[in-house]
Amino acid sequence: MVDNPDVSRWKMAKAGIVGNRFEEDMVSQALERQGIPFLIRRYSDTAYDGLFIPQKGWAAVMVPREYMERAKAVLGNLKKDFKLEETEAKNQKPEGRSQESESDS
């Protein structure tokens, strides 16, 4: 997070949601690189053992309102990358897998 003595005066707003710890780390790194101050508000609660995570997501990404547009652009680009990687992973077939299944028939 950016060191700024005026941080207590910032009005924070939700820029987006992250779905898991990996996304949280990626978003944190990207926002830090861009110099955007942020706060990660996790929805996990040990008392409820993650009960709300499927409904709300892993965590909310909070940023000062004056950084909202830049933060949403960063989050949007990362989400596109996550979806692209997920699609590519689903489309990849393990080598030799199709031959094994044909020989089993």
C-alpha atoms as a PDB file:
ATOM      1  CA  MET A   1       0.000   0.000   0.000  1.00  0.00           C
ATOM      2  CA  VAL A   2       1.179   3.512  -0.726  1.00  0.00           C
ATOM      3  CA  ASP A   3       2.509   5.382   2.311  1.00  0.00           C
ATOM      4  CA  ASN A   4       0.448   8.536   2.684  1.00  0.00           C
ATOM      5  CA  PRO A   5      -0.214  10.552   5.841  1.00  0.00           C
ATOM      6  CA  ASP A   6      -3.686  11.486   4.562  1.00  0.00           C
ATOM      7  CA  VAL A   7      -4.883   7.887   4.374  1.00  0.00           C
ATOM      8  CA  SER A   8      -7.276   8.380   7.293  1.00  0.00           C
ATOM      9  CA  ARG A   9      -9.197  11.015   5.299  1.00  0.00           C
ATOM     10  CA  TRP A  10      -9.767   8.876   2.211  1.00  0.00           C
ATOM     11  CA  LYS A  11     -13.294   7.737   1.413  1.00  0.00           C
ATOM     12  CA  MET A  12     -12.887   4.103   0.435  1.00  0.00           C
ATOM     13  CA  ALA A  13     -15.253   2.416  -2.014  1.00  0.00           C
ATOM     14  CA  LYS A  14     -15.473  -1.104  -3.426  1.00  0.00           C
ATOM     15  CA  ALA A  15     -13.656  -1.396  -6.757  1.00  0.00           C
ATOM     16  CA  GLY A  16     -14.280  -5.109  -7.182  1.00  0.00           C
ATOM     17  CA  ILE A  17     -14.288  -8.619  -5.777  1.00  0.00           C
ATOM     18  CA  VAL A  18     -11.590 -11.287  -5.822  1.00  0.00           C
ATOM     19  CA  GLY A  19     -12.537 -14.943  -5.863  1.00  0.00           C
ATOM     20  CA  ASN A  20      -9.629 -16.553  -4.034  1.00  0.00           C
ATOM     21  CA  ARG A  21      -6.258 -16.024  -2.370  1.00  0.00           C
ATOM     22  CA  PHE A  22      -4.376 -16.257  -5.670  1.00  0.00           C
ATOM     23  CA  GLU A  23      -6.469 -13.478  -7.228  1.00  0.00           C
ATOM     24  CA  GLU A  24      -6.003 -11.405  -4.075  1.00  0.00           C
ATOM     25  CA  ASP A  25      -2.221 -11.666  -4.393  1.00  0.00           C
ATOM     26  CA  MET A  26      -2.276 -10.809  -8.102  1.00  0.00           C
ATOM     27  CA  VAL A  27      -4.579  -7.810  -7.576  1.00  0.00           C
ATOM     28  CA  SER A  28      -2.487  -6.556  -4.645  1.00  0.00           C
ATOM     29  CA  GLN A  29       0.708  -6.730  -6.685  1.00  0.00           C
ATOM     30  CA  ALA A  30      -0.880  -5.004  -9.694  1.00  0.00           C
ATOM     31  CA  LEU A  31      -2.347  -2.165  -7.614  1.00  0.00           C
ATOM     32  CA  GLU A  32       0.959  -1.657  -5.806  1.00  0.00           C
ATOM     33  CA  ARG A  33       2.813  -1.473  -9.149  1.00  0.00           C
ATOM     34  CA  GLN A  34       0.376   1.200 -10.311  1.00  0.00           C
ATOM     35  CA  GLY A  35       0.758   3.179  -7.075  1.00  0.00           C
ATOM     36  CA  ILE A  36      -2.920   2.794  -6.211  1.00  0.00           C
ATOM     37  CA  PRO A  37      -3.685   2.673  -2.467  1.00  0.00           C
ATOM     38  CA  PHE A  38      -6.016  -0.174  -1.538  1.00  0.00           C
ATOM     39  CA  LEU A  39      -7.456  -2.278   1.236  1.00  0.00           C
ATOM     40  CA  ILE A  40      -8.453  -5.927   0.942  1.00  0.00           C
ATOM     41  CA  ARG A  41     -11.557  -6.680   3.002  1.00  0.00           C
ATOM     42  CA  ARG A  42     -11.821 -10.456   3.329  1.00  0.00           C
ATOM     43  CA  TYR A  43     -15.158 -12.146   3.794  1.00  0.00           C
ATOM     44  CA  SER A  44     -13.629 -15.142   5.547  1.00  0.00           C
ATOM     45  CA  ASP A  45     -14.533 -15.490   9.195  1.00  0.00           C
ATOM     46  CA  THR A  46     -13.216 -18.288  11.360  1.00  0.00           C
ATOM     47  CA  ALA A  47     -16.470 -18.400  13.319  1.00  0.00           C
ATOM     48  CA  TYR A  48     -18.415 -19.251  10.155  1.00  0.00           C
ATOM     49  CA  ASP A  49     -15.689 -21.296   8.405  1.00  0.00           C
ATOM     50  CA  GLY A  50     -15.960 -19.470   5.075  1.00  0.00           C
ATOM     51  CA  LEU A  51     -19.748 -19.712   4.910  1.00  0.00           C
ATOM     52  CA  PHE A  52     -20.142 -16.408   3.034  1.00  0.00           C
ATOM     53  CA  ILE A  53     -17.324 -16.832   0.502  1.00  0.00           C
ATOM     54  CA  PRO A  54     -19.476 -18.613  -2.151  1.00  0.00           C
ATOM     55  CA  GLN A  55     -22.033 -15.790  -1.982  1.00  0.00           C
ATOM     56  CA  LYS A  56     -19.797 -12.737  -1.619  1.00  0.00           C
ATOM     57  CA  GLY A  57     -16.469 -13.909  -3.029  1.00  0.00           C
ATOM     58  CA  TRP A  58     -13.144 -14.164  -1.233  1.00  0.00           C
ATOM     59  CA  ALA A  59     -12.701 -10.443  -0.581  1.00  0.00           C
ATOM     60  CA  ALA A  60     -13.616  -6.927  -1.648  1.00  0.00           C
ATOM     61  CA  VAL A  61     -10.979  -4.604  -3.054  1.00  0.00           C
ATOM     62  CA  MET A  62     -11.436  -1.158  -1.529  1.00  0.00           C
ATOM     63  CA  VAL A  63      -9.760   1.936  -2.983  1.00  0.00           C
ATOM     64  CA  PRO A  64     -10.064   5.691  -2.410  1.00  0.00           C
ATOM     65  CA  ARG A  65     -12.761   7.144  -4.675  1.00  0.00           C
ATOM     66  CA  GLU A  66     -10.270   9.328  -6.507  1.00  0.00           C
ATOM     67  CA  TYR A  67      -8.444   6.154  -7.652  1.00  0.00           C
ATOM     68  CA  MET A  68     -11.595   4.236  -8.602  1.00  0.00           C
ATOM     69  CA  GLU A  69     -11.339   4.549 -12.390  1.00  0.00           C
ATOM     70  CA  ARG A  70      -7.698   3.453 -12.486  1.00  0.00           C
ATOM     71  CA  ALA A  71      -8.321   0.608 -10.040  1.00  0.00           C
ATOM     72  CA  LYS A  72     -11.293  -0.713 -12.033  1.00  0.00           C
ATOM     73  CA  ALA A  73      -9.172  -0.677 -15.191  1.00  0.00           C
ATOM     74  CA  VAL A  74      -6.454  -2.706 -13.442  1.00  0.00           C
ATOM     75  CA  LEU A  75      -9.013  -5.167 -12.029  1.00  0.00           C
ATOM     76  CA  GLY A  76     -10.730  -5.490 -15.403  1.00  0.00           C
ATOM     77  CA  ASN A  77      -7.477  -6.350 -17.155  1.00  0.00           C
ATOM     78  CA  LEU A  78      -6.603  -8.927 -14.511  1.00  0.00           C
ATOM     79  CA  LYS A  79     -10.057 -10.538 -14.702  1.00  0.00           C
ATOM     80  CA  LYS A  80      -9.653 -10.865 -18.487  1.00  0.00           C
ATOM     81  CA  ASP A  81      -6.273 -12.528 -17.943  1.00  0.00           C
ATOM     82  CA  PHE A  82      -7.740 -14.907 -15.324  1.00  0.00           C
ATOM     83  CA  LYS A  83     -10.567 -15.925 -17.678  1.00  0.00           C
ATOM     84  CA  LEU A  84      -8.160 -16.393 -20.594  1.00  0.00           C
ATOM     85  CA  GLU A  85      -5.870 -18.600 -18.498  1.00  0.00           C
ATOM     86  CA  GLU A  86      -8.847 -20.586 -17.207  1.00  0.00           C
ATOM     87  CA  THR A  87     -10.164 -21.133 -20.745  1.00  0.00           C
ATOM     88  CA  GLU A  88      -6.747 -22.187 -22.015  1.00  0.00           C
ATOM     89  CA  ALA A  89      -6.333 -24.625 -19.118  1.00  0.00           C
ATOM     90  CA  LYS A  90      -9.722 -26.217 -19.851  1.00  0.00           C
ATOM     91  CA  ASN A  91      -8.919 -26.564 -23.556  1.00  0.00           C
ATOM     92  CA  GLN A  92      -5.574 -28.269 -23.021  1.00  0.00           C
ATOM     93  CA  LYS A  93      -5.663 -32.049 -23.165  1.00  0.00           C
ATOM     94  CA  PRO A  94      -3.009 -34.116 -21.432  1.00  0.00           C
ATOM     95  CA  GLU A  95      -0.666 -35.742 -23.964  1.00  0.00           C
ATOM     96  CA  GLY A  96      -1.540 -39.335 -24.781  1.00  0.00           C
ATOM     97  CA  ARG A  97      -4.916 -39.093 -23.076  1.00  0.00           C
ATOM     98  CA  SER A  98      -6.950 -39.313 -26.277  1.00  0.00           C
ATOM     99  CA  GLN A  99      -4.956 -42.369 -27.455  1.00  0.00           C
ATOM    100  CA  GLU A 100      -5.519 -44.189 -24.168  1.00  0.00           C
ATOM    101  CA  SER A 101      -9.245 -43.621 -24.281  1.00  0.00           C
ATOM    102  CA  GLU A 102      -9.392 -44.843 -27.905  1.00  0.00           C
ATOM    103  CA  SER A 103      -7.489 -48.047 -27.075  1.00  0.00           C
ATOM    104  CA  ASP A 104      -9.779 -48.717 -24.093  1.00  0.00           C
ATOM    105  CA  SER A 105     -12.845 -48.768 -26.372  1.00  0.00           C
END
